[in-house]
Protein backbone atom coordinates (compact mmCIF):
# COMPACT_ATOMS: atom_id res chain seq x y z
CA UNK A 1 16.85 25.80 33.29
CA UNK A 2 18.35 22.45 32.43
CA UNK A 3 16.02 19.48 32.77
CA UNK A 4 17.99 17.67 35.47
CA UNK A 5 15.97 16.49 38.43
CA UNK A 6 17.52 15.09 41.57
CA UNK A 7 15.16 12.38 42.69
CA UNK A 8 16.12 12.72 46.34
CA UNK A 9 15.19 16.40 46.31
CA UNK A 10 11.81 15.60 44.79
CA UNK A 11 11.12 13.09 47.52
CA UNK A 12 12.41 15.45 50.22
CA UNK A 13 10.21 18.32 49.03
CA UNK A 14 7.06 16.24 49.04
CA UNK A 15 7.94 14.67 52.40
CA UNK A 16 8.18 18.18 53.84
CA UNK A 17 4.87 19.10 52.19
CA UNK A 18 3.31 15.99 53.69
CA UNK A 19 4.66 16.85 57.16
CA UNK A 20 3.33 20.38 56.83
CA UNK A 21 -0.06 19.01 55.84
CA UNK A 22 -0.04 16.61 58.78
CA UNK A 23 0.85 19.40 61.15
CA UNK A 24 -1.90 21.61 59.77
CA UNK A 25 -4.36 18.75 59.87
CA UNK A 26 -3.68 17.93 63.50
CA UNK A 27 -3.95 21.59 64.42
CA UNK A 28 -7.39 21.78 62.85
CA UNK A 29 -8.41 18.35 64.03
CA UNK A 30 -7.58 18.77 67.68
CA UNK A 31 -8.35 22.48 68.01
CA UNK A 32 -11.64 22.35 66.16
CA UNK A 33 -14.61 23.40 68.25
CA UNK A 34 -17.70 21.48 69.12
CA UNK A 35 -19.25 22.76 65.89
CA UNK A 36 -17.23 20.14 63.96
CA UNK A 37 -19.49 17.14 63.37
CA UNK A 38 -18.42 13.54 63.58
CA UNK A 39 -18.95 13.20 59.81
CA UNK A 40 -16.75 16.22 59.26
CA UNK A 41 -13.94 14.70 61.32
CA UNK A 42 -14.36 11.37 59.49
CA UNK A 43 -14.20 13.10 56.11
CA UNK A 44 -11.12 14.98 57.24
CA UNK A 45 -9.42 11.71 58.17
CA UNK A 46 -10.38 10.25 54.78
CA UNK A 47 -8.89 13.28 53.05
CA UNK A 48 -5.73 12.94 55.16
CA UNK A 49 -5.30 9.32 54.06
CA UNK A 50 -6.06 10.32 50.48
CA UNK A 51 -3.51 13.13 50.69
CA UNK A 52 -0.78 10.80 51.94
CA UNK A 53 -1.59 8.17 49.33
CA UNK A 54 -1.79 10.65 46.45
CA UNK A 55 1.44 12.38 47.54
CA UNK A 56 3.46 9.16 47.75
CA UNK A 57 1.88 7.85 44.56
CA UNK A 58 2.46 11.15 42.77
CA UNK A 59 6.14 11.25 43.78
CA UNK A 60 6.69 7.81 42.27
CA UNK A 61 4.89 8.93 39.12
CA UNK A 62 7.07 12.03 38.84
CA UNK A 63 10.11 9.86 39.45
CA UNK A 64 9.28 7.83 36.34
CA UNK A 65 8.19 10.58 33.95
CA UNK A 66 10.67 11.40 31.19
CA UNK A 67 9.14 14.14 29.03
CA UNK A 68 9.90 17.60 30.41
CA UNK A 69 6.58 19.23 29.51
CA UNK A 70 4.54 16.30 30.80
CA UNK A 71 6.62 16.33 34.00
CA UNK A 72 5.79 19.98 34.68
CA UNK A 73 2.12 19.50 33.79
CA UNK A 74 1.76 16.57 36.15
CA UNK A 75 3.72 18.39 38.87
CA UNK A 76 1.12 21.15 38.64
CA UNK A 77 -1.67 18.55 38.80
CA UNK A 78 -0.14 16.95 41.89
CA UNK A 79 0.34 20.29 43.68
CA UNK A 80 -3.22 21.35 42.84
CA UNK A 81 -4.49 18.00 44.12
CA UNK A 82 -2.63 18.49 47.39
CA UNK A 83 -3.90 22.05 47.76
CA UNK A 84 -7.40 20.86 46.92
CA UNK A 85 -7.30 18.13 49.56
CA UNK A 86 -5.94 20.64 52.07
CA UNK A 87 -8.83 23.00 51.32
CA UNK A 88 -11.21 20.08 51.81
CA UNK A 89 -9.76 19.36 55.25
CA UNK A 90 -10.02 23.03 56.24
CA UNK A 91 -13.61 23.13 54.99
CA UNK A 92 -14.55 20.02 56.95
CA UNK A 93 -13.02 21.43 60.15
CA UNK A 94 -14.49 24.93 59.74
CA UNK A 95 -17.83 26.03 61.12
CA UNK A 96 -20.74 25.60 58.72
CA UNK A 97 -21.63 28.72 56.71
CA UNK A 98 -18.69 30.59 58.17
CA UNK A 99 -16.51 32.82 56.04
CA UNK A 100 -13.75 30.19 56.07
CA UNK A 101 -16.20 27.48 55.00
CA UNK A 102 -17.46 29.64 52.13
CA UNK A 103 -13.92 30.58 51.09
CA UNK A 104 -12.79 26.95 50.96
CA UNK A 105 -15.93 26.05 49.06
CA UNK A 106 -15.20 28.65 46.41
CA UNK A 107 -11.49 27.82 46.44
CA UNK A 108 -12.22 24.16 45.60
CA UNK A 109 -13.26 25.20 42.09
CA UNK A 110 -9.72 26.31 41.26
CA UNK A 111 -8.26 22.75 41.18
CA UNK A 112 -11.48 21.48 39.61
CA UNK A 113 -10.94 23.88 36.69
CA UNK A 114 -7.18 23.55 36.30
CA UNK A 115 -6.67 19.79 36.75
CA UNK A 116 -8.82 18.72 33.70
CA UNK A 117 -7.23 21.53 31.68
CA UNK A 118 -3.75 20.27 32.50
CA UNK A 119 -4.76 16.72 31.58
CA UNK A 120 -6.06 18.07 28.29
CA UNK A 121 -2.63 19.66 27.80
CA UNK A 122 -0.86 16.36 28.50
CA UNK A 123 -2.99 14.60 25.85
CA UNK A 124 -2.31 17.45 23.42
CA UNK A 125 1.43 17.12 24.04
CA UNK A 126 1.39 13.35 23.56
CA UNK A 127 -0.97 13.01 20.58
CA UNK A 128 -0.92 16.28 18.56
CA UNK A 129 1.66 18.51 16.84
CA UNK A 130 0.18 21.61 18.50
CA UNK A 131 2.44 24.23 20.00
CA UNK A 132 1.95 23.45 23.66
CA UNK A 133 2.97 26.96 24.76
CA UNK A 134 0.14 28.63 22.86
CA UNK A 135 -2.24 25.87 23.89
CA UNK A 136 -1.42 26.32 27.57
CA UNK A 137 -1.72 30.10 27.37
CA UNK A 138 -5.22 29.96 25.88
CA UNK A 139 -6.80 27.17 27.92
CA UNK A 140 -5.16 27.95 31.24
CA UNK A 141 -6.16 31.60 30.79
CA UNK A 142 -9.79 30.54 30.32
CA UNK A 143 -9.58 28.37 33.43
CA UNK A 144 -8.05 31.28 35.37
CA UNK A 145 -10.83 33.66 34.28
CA UNK A 146 -13.53 31.19 35.31
CA UNK A 147 -11.77 30.53 38.63
CA UNK A 148 -11.56 34.27 39.32
CA UNK A 149 -15.28 34.68 38.57
CA UNK A 150 -16.12 31.85 40.97
CA UNK A 151 -13.93 33.32 43.72
CA UNK A 152 -15.67 36.69 43.30
CA UNK A 153 -19.14 35.16 43.30
CA UNK A 154 -20.17 37.00 46.52
CA UNK A 155 -19.85 40.23 44.52
CA UNK A 156 -21.93 39.30 41.45
CA UNK A 157 -23.71 36.02 42.33
CA UNK A 158 -23.36 34.74 38.75
CA UNK A 159 -22.48 31.21 39.90
CA UNK A 160 -24.87 30.57 42.78
CA UNK A 161 -26.70 32.15 45.67
CA UNK A 162 -27.48 30.81 49.13
CA UNK A 163 -30.79 31.73 50.76
CA UNK A 164 -31.46 32.02 54.47
CA UNK A 165 -32.34 28.33 54.69
CA UNK A 166 -28.95 27.31 53.28
CA UNK A 167 -30.41 26.22 49.92
CA UNK A 168 -28.03 26.77 47.02
CA UNK A 169 -29.45 28.08 43.75
CA UNK A 170 -27.15 27.55 40.76
CA UNK A 171 -26.89 30.16 38.04
CA UNK A 172 -25.42 30.41 34.56
CA UNK A 173 -21.75 30.69 35.61
CA UNK A 174 -22.01 27.43 37.56
CA UNK A 175 -23.11 25.56 34.44
CA UNK A 176 -20.47 27.31 32.33
CA UNK A 177 -17.81 26.15 34.78
CA UNK A 178 -19.02 22.57 34.67
CA UNK A 179 -19.38 22.71 30.89
CA UNK A 180 -15.75 23.85 30.69
CA UNK A 181 -14.65 21.01 32.98
CA UNK A 182 -16.64 18.51 30.90
CA UNK A 183 -15.21 19.87 27.66
CA UNK A 184 -11.66 19.53 28.97
CA UNK A 185 -12.27 15.92 29.98
CA UNK A 186 -14.08 15.19 26.69
CA UNK A 187 -11.26 16.90 24.76
CA UNK A 188 -8.67 14.75 26.50
CA UNK A 189 -10.74 11.67 25.69
CA UNK A 190 -11.07 12.70 22.00
CA UNK A 191 -7.34 13.36 21.62
CA UNK A 192 -6.55 10.06 23.24
CA UNK A 193 -8.88 8.14 20.91
CA UNK A 194 -7.60 9.97 17.84
CA UNK A 195 -3.97 9.53 18.84
CA UNK A 196 -4.20 5.82 19.55
CA UNK A 197 -6.83 4.62 17.06
CA UNK A 198 -4.41 3.86 14.22
CA UNK A 199 -1.57 2.62 16.42
CA UNK A 200 -0.80 -1.01 17.16
CA UNK A 201 -1.95 -0.97 20.78
CA UNK A 202 -3.12 -3.87 22.87
CA UNK A 203 -6.68 -3.97 24.13
CA UNK A 204 -5.49 -3.34 27.69
CA UNK A 205 -3.53 -0.28 26.54
CA UNK A 206 -6.72 1.27 25.18
CA UNK A 207 -9.33 0.16 27.69
CA UNK A 208 -7.67 1.26 30.95
CA UNK A 209 -7.03 4.93 30.02
CA UNK A 210 -10.44 5.18 28.34
CA UNK A 211 -12.04 3.79 31.49
CA UNK A 212 -10.30 6.32 33.75
CA UNK A 213 -11.15 9.30 31.54
CA UNK A 214 -14.70 8.02 31.12
CA UNK A 215 -15.14 7.70 34.89
CA UNK A 216 -13.95 11.29 35.37
CA UNK A 217 -16.43 12.51 32.77
CA UNK A 218 -19.27 10.36 34.12
CA UNK A 219 -18.68 11.46 37.72
CA UNK A 220 -18.70 15.12 36.65
CA UNK A 221 -22.01 14.67 34.83
CA UNK A 222 -23.60 12.76 37.73
CA UNK A 223 -22.44 15.40 40.18
CA UNK A 224 -23.92 18.14 38.00
CA UNK A 225 -27.46 16.70 37.61
CA UNK A 226 -29.54 17.41 40.77
CA UNK A 227 -31.15 13.96 40.96
CA UNK A 228 -27.91 12.01 40.60
CA UNK A 229 -26.14 14.58 42.79
CA UNK A 230 -28.43 13.71 45.69
CA UNK A 231 -27.90 10.03 44.93
CA UNK A 232 -24.10 10.42 45.04
CA UNK A 233 -24.32 12.28 48.35
CA UNK A 234 -26.09 9.28 49.85
CA UNK A 235 -23.29 6.85 48.92
CA UNK A 236 -19.95 6.80 50.69
CA UNK A 237 -17.25 7.37 49.53
CA UNK A 238 -18.78 8.67 46.26
CA UNK A 239 -20.11 11.68 48.18
CA UNK A 240 -16.54 12.86 48.82
CA UNK A 241 -15.72 14.36 45.43
CA UNK A 242 -12.33 15.59 46.73
CA UNK A 243 -11.22 12.01 47.22
CA UNK A 244 -12.86 10.64 44.04
CA UNK A 245 -11.33 13.25 41.73
CA UNK A 246 -7.90 12.96 43.37
CA UNK A 247 -7.75 9.18 43.12
CA UNK A 248 -9.12 9.08 39.55
CA UNK A 249 -6.65 11.73 38.41
CA UNK A 250 -3.67 10.00 40.02
CA UNK A 251 -4.88 6.61 38.79
CA UNK A 252 -5.09 7.99 35.26
CA UNK A 253 -1.44 9.06 35.45
CA UNK A 254 -0.40 5.60 36.65
CA UNK A 255 -2.37 3.90 33.87
CA UNK A 256 -0.82 6.23 31.28
CA UNK A 257 2.65 5.29 32.51
CA UNK A 258 1.96 1.56 32.72
CA UNK A 259 0.52 1.46 29.19
CA UNK A 260 3.36 3.55 27.78
CA UNK A 261 1.17 6.49 26.76
CA UNK A 262 3.40 8.78 28.82
CA UNK A 263 7.15 8.34 28.37
CA UNK A 264 8.81 7.15 31.54
CA UNK A 265 12.23 6.19 32.76
CA UNK A 266 11.19 3.34 35.01
CA UNK A 267 10.95 -0.43 34.53
CA UNK A 268 13.47 -0.52 31.69
CA UNK A 269 14.69 -3.91 32.85
CA UNK A 270 11.16 -5.29 32.67
CA UNK A 271 10.62 -3.77 29.25
CA UNK A 272 13.85 -5.33 28.06
CA UNK A 273 12.91 -8.70 29.51
CA UNK A 274 9.20 -8.88 28.68
CA UNK A 275 8.94 -6.50 25.73
CA UNK A 276 7.96 -7.53 22.20
CA UNK A 277 11.54 -7.42 20.88
CA UNK A 278 13.86 -10.43 21.16
CA UNK A 279 17.05 -8.79 22.39
CA UNK A 280 20.04 -9.81 24.47
CA UNK A 281 23.20 -8.20 25.82
CA UNK A 282 26.27 -10.43 25.91
CA UNK A 283 29.80 -9.90 27.19
CA UNK A 284 32.95 -10.51 25.16
CA UNK A 285 32.75 -14.23 25.91
CA UNK A 286 29.14 -14.36 24.69
CA UNK A 287 27.70 -14.89 28.14
CA UNK A 288 24.20 -13.42 28.19
CA UNK A 289 24.00 -10.61 30.75
CA UNK A 290 20.45 -9.44 29.94
CA UNK A 291 18.02 -11.10 27.59
CA UNK A 292 14.41 -11.04 26.55
CA UNK A 293 12.42 -14.05 27.70
CA UNK A 294 11.83 -15.04 24.07
CA UNK A 295 15.45 -14.67 22.91
CA UNK A 296 17.21 -17.89 21.88
CA UNK A 297 20.99 -17.93 21.50
CA UNK A 298 22.60 -19.78 18.57
CA UNK A 299 26.32 -20.71 18.18
CA UNK A 300 26.52 -19.13 14.71
CA UNK A 301 26.47 -15.63 16.23
CA UNK A 302 29.92 -16.21 17.70
CA UNK A 303 31.39 -16.47 14.20
CA UNK A 304 29.26 -14.09 12.16
CA UNK A 305 27.40 -10.80 12.51
CA UNK A 306 24.38 -12.22 10.66
CA UNK A 307 22.81 -15.65 10.83
CA UNK A 308 19.53 -17.41 10.14
CA UNK A 309 18.21 -20.41 12.03
CA UNK A 310 14.86 -22.00 12.87
CA UNK A 311 12.85 -19.28 11.16
CA UNK A 312 14.68 -16.41 12.86
CA UNK A 313 17.20 -13.88 11.57
CA UNK A 314 19.98 -12.85 13.97
CA UNK A 315 22.13 -9.73 14.01
CA UNK A 316 25.12 -8.89 16.17
CA UNK A 317 26.22 -5.33 16.94
CA UNK A 318 29.34 -4.59 18.92
CA UNK A 319 29.07 -2.40 22.04
CA UNK A 320 31.68 -1.01 24.42
CA UNK A 321 31.55 -4.04 26.73
CA UNK A 322 30.21 -6.77 24.52
CA UNK A 323 27.50 -7.32 21.95
CA UNK A 324 23.87 -6.45 21.32
CA UNK A 325 22.12 -9.49 19.87
CA UNK A 326 18.88 -9.13 17.92
CA UNK A 327 16.55 -11.97 16.99
CA UNK A 328 13.87 -11.25 14.37
CA UNK A 329 10.99 -13.57 13.66
CA UNK A 330 10.91 -14.12 9.90
CA UNK A 331 8.82 -17.28 9.88
CA UNK A 332 5.94 -15.51 8.18
CA UNK A 333 8.35 -14.08 5.61
CA UNK A 334 9.86 -17.51 4.96
CA UNK A 335 6.40 -19.04 4.70
CA UNK A 336 5.37 -16.38 2.21
CA UNK A 337 8.62 -16.95 0.34
CA UNK A 338 7.89 -20.67 0.10
CA UNK A 339 4.39 -19.88 -1.11
CA UNK A 340 5.79 -17.47 -3.70
CA UNK A 341 8.32 -20.06 -4.87
CA UNK A 342 5.57 -22.67 -5.11
CA UNK A 343 3.38 -20.22 -7.01
CA UNK A 344 6.31 -19.34 -9.26
CA UNK A 345 6.91 -23.03 -9.98
CA UNK A 346 3.22 -23.55 -10.71
CA UNK A 347 3.20 -20.50 -12.97
CA UNK A 348 6.27 -21.75 -14.82
CA UNK A 349 4.62 -25.14 -15.32
CA UNK A 350 1.43 -23.47 -16.48
CA UNK A 351 3.47 -21.21 -18.75
CA UNK A 352 5.24 -24.21 -20.27
CA UNK A 353 1.90 -25.91 -20.81
CA UNK A 354 0.55 -22.76 -22.44
CA UNK A 355 3.64 -22.45 -24.62
CA UNK A 356 3.35 -26.10 -25.65
CA UNK A 357 -0.35 -25.66 -26.31
CA UNK A 358 0.36 -22.50 -28.29
CA UNK A 359 3.07 -24.29 -30.27
CA UNK A 360 0.76 -27.22 -30.96
CA UNK A 361 -2.03 -24.87 -31.97
CA UNK A 362 0.40 -23.05 -34.25
CA UNK A 363 1.51 -26.31 -35.80
CA UNK A 364 -2.11 -27.34 -36.29
CA UNK A 365 -2.89 -24.01 -37.93
CA UNK A 366 0.19 -24.30 -40.13
CA UNK A 367 -0.68 -27.86 -41.10
CA UNK A 368 -4.26 -26.88 -41.80
CA UNK A 369 -3.11 -23.91 -43.87
CA UNK A 370 -0.57 -26.06 -45.69
CA UNK A 371 -3.21 -28.69 -46.32
CA UNK A 372 -5.63 -26.11 -47.67
CA UNK A 373 -2.87 -24.68 -49.84
CA UNK A 374 -1.93 -28.12 -51.10
CA UNK A 375 -5.53 -28.91 -51.87
CA UNK A 376 -5.85 -25.62 -53.73
CA UNK A 377 -2.65 -26.21 -55.72
CA UNK A 378 -3.58 -29.84 -56.41
CA UNK A 379 -6.93 -28.65 -57.69
CA UNK A 380 -5.11 -26.16 -59.95
CA UNK A 381 -2.77 -28.92 -61.14
CA UNK A 382 -5.73 -31.16 -61.85
CA UNK A 383 -7.47 -28.37 -63.74
CA UNK A 384 -4.29 -27.50 -65.59
CA UNK A 385 -3.80 -31.19 -66.44
CA UNK A 386 -7.24 -31.25 -68.00
CA UNK A 387 -6.37 -28.17 -70.06
CA UNK A 388 -3.11 -29.75 -71.12
CA UNK A 389 -4.92 -32.94 -72.06
CA UNK A 390 -7.34 -30.97 -74.19
CA UNK A 391 -4.45 -29.23 -75.91
CA UNK A 392 -2.75 -32.56 -76.52
CA UNK A 393 -5.99 -34.06 -77.81
CA UNK A 394 -6.34 -31.17 -80.25
CA UNK A 395 -3.03 -32.07 -81.87
CA UNK A 396 -2.87 -34.62 -84.68
CA UNK A 397 -0.98 -37.85 -84.23
CA UNK A 398 1.66 -36.71 -86.69
CA UNK A 399 2.74 -33.20 -87.66
CA UNK A 400 3.79 -32.60 -91.24
CA UNK A 401 5.71 -29.56 -92.40
CA UNK A 402 2.51 -28.34 -93.97
CA UNK A 403 0.50 -28.59 -90.70
CA UNK A 404 3.22 -27.56 -88.20
CA UNK A 405 2.67 -23.83 -88.68
CA UNK A 406 -1.02 -24.36 -88.05
CA UNK A 407 -0.44 -26.03 -84.65
CA UNK A 408 2.55 -23.89 -83.57
CA UNK A 409 0.43 -21.65 -81.20
CA UNK A 410 -0.98 -24.76 -79.54
CA UNK A 411 2.48 -26.21 -79.06
CA UNK A 412 3.80 -22.92 -77.58
CA UNK A 413 0.82 -22.66 -75.22
CA UNK A 414 1.38 -26.28 -74.21
CA UNK A 415 5.06 -25.58 -73.42
CA UNK A 416 4.21 -22.40 -71.47
CA UNK A 417 1.63 -24.16 -69.31
CA UNK A 418 4.00 -27.06 -68.66
CA UNK A 419 6.76 -24.58 -67.70
CA UNK A 420 4.65 -22.74 -65.12
CA UNK A 421 3.09 -25.97 -63.85
CA UNK A 422 6.57 -27.40 -63.31
CA UNK A 423 7.61 -24.37 -61.19
CA UNK A 424 4.41 -24.56 -59.09
CA UNK A 425 5.15 -28.21 -58.39
CA UNK A 426 8.75 -27.36 -57.43
CA UNK A 427 7.56 -24.60 -55.11
CA UNK A 428 5.08 -26.93 -53.47
CA UNK A 429 7.71 -29.66 -53.04
CA UNK A 430 10.35 -27.27 -51.65
CA UNK A 431 7.95 -25.48 -49.31
CA UNK A 432 8.80 -25.92 -45.61
CA UNK A 433 6.46 -26.88 -42.76
CA UNK A 434 6.32 -23.19 -41.81
CA UNK A 435 4.79 -22.42 -45.21
CA UNK A 436 7.85 -20.69 -46.68
CA UNK A 437 10.24 -21.23 -49.58
CA UNK A 438 13.94 -20.60 -49.05
CA UNK A 439 15.68 -17.99 -51.15
CA UNK A 440 17.84 -20.66 -52.83
CA UNK A 441 14.86 -22.87 -53.75
CA UNK A 442 12.92 -19.89 -55.06
CA UNK A 443 15.91 -18.70 -57.13
CA UNK A 444 16.46 -22.25 -58.47
CA UNK A 445 12.85 -22.71 -59.57
CA UNK A 446 12.75 -19.19 -61.04
CA UNK A 447 15.99 -19.84 -62.97
CA UNK A 448 14.50 -22.98 -64.49
CA UNK A 449 11.37 -21.00 -65.39
CA UNK A 450 13.37 -18.19 -67.02
CA UNK A 451 15.43 -20.69 -69.05
CA UNK A 452 12.32 -22.48 -70.35
CA UNK A 453 10.67 -19.15 -71.26
CA UNK A 454 13.85 -17.96 -72.96
CA UNK A 455 13.66 -20.96 -75.29
CA UNK A 456 10.27 -19.60 -76.31
CA UNK A 457 11.71 -16.09 -77.00
CA UNK A 458 10.48 -14.60 -73.65
CA UNK A 459 13.22 -12.78 -71.76
CA UNK A 460 12.21 -12.77 -68.05
CA UNK A 461 14.11 -11.22 -65.13
CA UNK A 462 12.97 -11.41 -61.50
CA UNK A 463 14.34 -8.97 -58.88
CA UNK A 464 14.12 -10.03 -55.25
CA UNK A 465 16.77 -8.21 -53.24
CA UNK A 466 16.16 -9.60 -49.78
CA UNK A 467 17.86 -12.97 -49.47
CA UNK A 468 15.24 -14.25 -47.06
CA UNK A 469 12.60 -16.96 -47.19
CA UNK A 470 9.51 -16.12 -49.19
CA UNK A 471 6.01 -17.09 -48.20
CA UNK A 472 4.76 -20.04 -50.22
CA UNK A 473 1.45 -18.35 -51.12
CA UNK A 474 3.37 -15.29 -52.28
CA UNK A 475 5.74 -17.44 -54.37
CA UNK A 476 2.74 -19.11 -55.99
CA UNK A 477 1.26 -15.65 -56.63
CA UNK A 478 4.51 -14.70 -58.43
CA UNK A 479 4.16 -17.80 -60.61
CA UNK A 480 0.53 -17.03 -61.38
CA UNK A 481 1.27 -13.35 -62.05
CA UNK A 482 4.06 -14.14 -64.53
CA UNK A 483 1.81 -16.66 -66.25
CA UNK A 484 -0.85 -13.96 -66.68
CA UNK A 485 1.73 -11.49 -68.06
CA UNK A 486 3.01 -14.04 -70.60
CA UNK A 487 -0.56 -14.93 -71.48
CA UNK A 488 -1.28 -11.22 -72.07
CA UNK A 489 1.74 -10.95 -74.39
CA UNK A 490 0.56 -13.83 -76.53
CA UNK A 491 3.03 -15.39 -78.95
CA UNK A 492 5.02 -12.19 -79.40
CA UNK A 493 8.59 -12.11 -78.28
CA UNK A 494 9.53 -9.53 -75.64
CA UNK A 495 10.98 -8.81 -72.22
CA UNK A 496 9.43 -8.92 -68.75
CA UNK A 497 11.11 -7.38 -65.68
CA UNK A 498 9.45 -8.31 -62.38
CA UNK A 499 10.35 -6.63 -59.05
CA UNK A 500 9.07 -8.34 -55.90
CA UNK A 501 8.49 -6.24 -52.72
CA UNK A 502 7.43 -8.68 -49.96
CA UNK A 503 7.15 -5.97 -47.28
CA UNK A 504 4.72 -3.93 -49.36
CA UNK A 505 3.02 -7.02 -50.76
CA UNK A 506 3.66 -5.46 -54.18
CA UNK A 507 4.67 -6.71 -57.65
CA UNK A 508 6.06 -4.18 -60.12
CA UNK A 509 6.27 -5.50 -63.67
CA UNK A 510 7.81 -3.74 -66.72
CA UNK A 511 6.69 -5.20 -70.04
CA UNK A 512 8.55 -4.17 -73.22
CA UNK A 513 9.32 -5.32 -76.78
CA UNK A 514 5.96 -6.99 -77.39
CA UNK A 515 4.02 -6.12 -80.55
CA UNK A 516 0.82 -6.57 -78.63
CA UNK A 517 -0.04 -6.80 -74.93
CA UNK A 518 -3.46 -7.28 -73.36
CA UNK A 519 -3.36 -5.93 -69.75
CA UNK A 520 -6.86 -7.18 -69.04
CA UNK A 521 -5.47 -10.66 -68.72
CA UNK A 522 -3.38 -9.52 -65.73
CA UNK A 523 -5.58 -9.63 -62.65
CA UNK A 524 -5.29 -6.76 -60.19
CA UNK A 525 -3.21 -4.26 -62.16
CA UNK A 526 -3.71 -0.73 -60.79
CA UNK A 527 -1.75 1.60 -63.11
CA UNK A 528 -0.81 1.72 -66.81
CA UNK A 529 1.37 4.21 -68.67
CA UNK A 530 3.10 4.22 -72.07
CA UNK A 531 6.73 5.27 -72.60
CA UNK A 532 8.71 4.43 -75.74
CA UNK A 533 6.37 1.66 -76.62
CA UNK A 534 6.92 0.16 -73.14
CA UNK A 535 3.98 -0.73 -70.96
CA UNK A 536 4.38 -0.48 -67.19
CA UNK A 537 1.95 -2.22 -64.82
CA UNK A 538 1.79 -2.11 -61.01
CA UNK A 539 -0.13 -4.88 -59.27
CA UNK A 540 -0.73 -5.15 -55.50
CA UNK A 541 -0.88 -8.68 -54.15
CA UNK A 542 -2.35 -9.30 -50.68
CA UNK A 543 -0.89 -12.14 -48.65
CA UNK A 544 -3.26 -14.66 -47.16
CA UNK A 545 -1.85 -14.56 -43.59
CA UNK A 546 0.77 -12.73 -41.48
CA UNK A 547 4.36 -13.73 -42.19
CA UNK A 548 3.52 -15.59 -45.40
């Protein structure tokens, strides 16, 4: 069956049902015997008015429902409500304790069992992924079994018994029936709370349905407890549970539609106008045909499909007869963007300050290191100057051919010390602010050193393959190391080959051609071997700081 409902047929059917009810009511009302009390006739009139109101109200609710399953469920609720009210009228117009009165009394439990179950099914359809077919089969079957047991109560008396005085004694089936009704109402309430708790609903959207379901549950409990049952019977119209249940059930459907908990096809114009979305429909000339109350038109939309103005982003989509215009509030996004830009600017400023501070700290450390290095080298120069002065003082004022050979070692030592002291001074002078010596300056000072040593019969070669700056401390270590090697060789002529490995912080020195060599004068040597009267030494030099 296709889900296509002709609204006029719905209205016609329920109008005919209403006319049939009216006809039946008037038959009972005017043909009822003297046994019908005034209260019974009054209650019958109340039920008639309730029937008419619920029928008209229910037709308008059905007219607005959109979901197929919910439509059928509520149709069943409305029909059961009408049948229930009809049974109430018949019961009021029947003779007390007659077979018809008892039958209508038992029959009233059928709608009381099925209506909460159907409402539970509507909540399950709206708020759970359950298979509604299986759900309906199980719960409606339970309701049908309980209804059948109540209808057959005269055979087994499991629900209640009536003594000769008309007093009703309730038994276990009665409480099971009411427990089932309460569980259905409580289940609907639980599904509603679970289904709407994490959604962005307004307070009114939550309170009204909760209130209606809570009233249904509360009324059922009050009607069940004997003390409150007698209290309800003393208050009109609360004593007419036919009317109370019918109005609460229909009111719950209306609230569910008004709050959007049940999909509906009505009031689309109001939703478009007063809804939370800023929309508008315009014709080809940009005349607004429909618009949300909060929508504000801007001229830029006539020229572009996207625009931004006054904290809003606009989009234009073409339709068959015009345009759909959308206005999005991006003021919070723009505010957050401004805050992010301000934070980014502040972070950049802070970063620049930190970089400057880091650069200054680095310069201070470099200057302090350079100062310490200078002080150390100056102290060495001062000490070396004293040694040179002592050597000079040990020489006579004039050297004769007879005494020259005696003072030759002193003169050679004096020249060697001056040679190495000269290179240390050159390295210190050519050292940069970063504490390094360029490859050219290092090669120039080393060339001068090699030339001076060659004049003293020392052949020195220095291998440094990487044409990159050399750390000043490491360059000074090279100077000191070579001085120690020459000092270990004494006055003997020979050759020294030095290989510098800055990455491994390693000096490899090959000493050959010397008649005598004292390795103990070389600080830090780690290996010695003899090959063809050559002595090979490997010395590891540790740099004072990273990158030097």
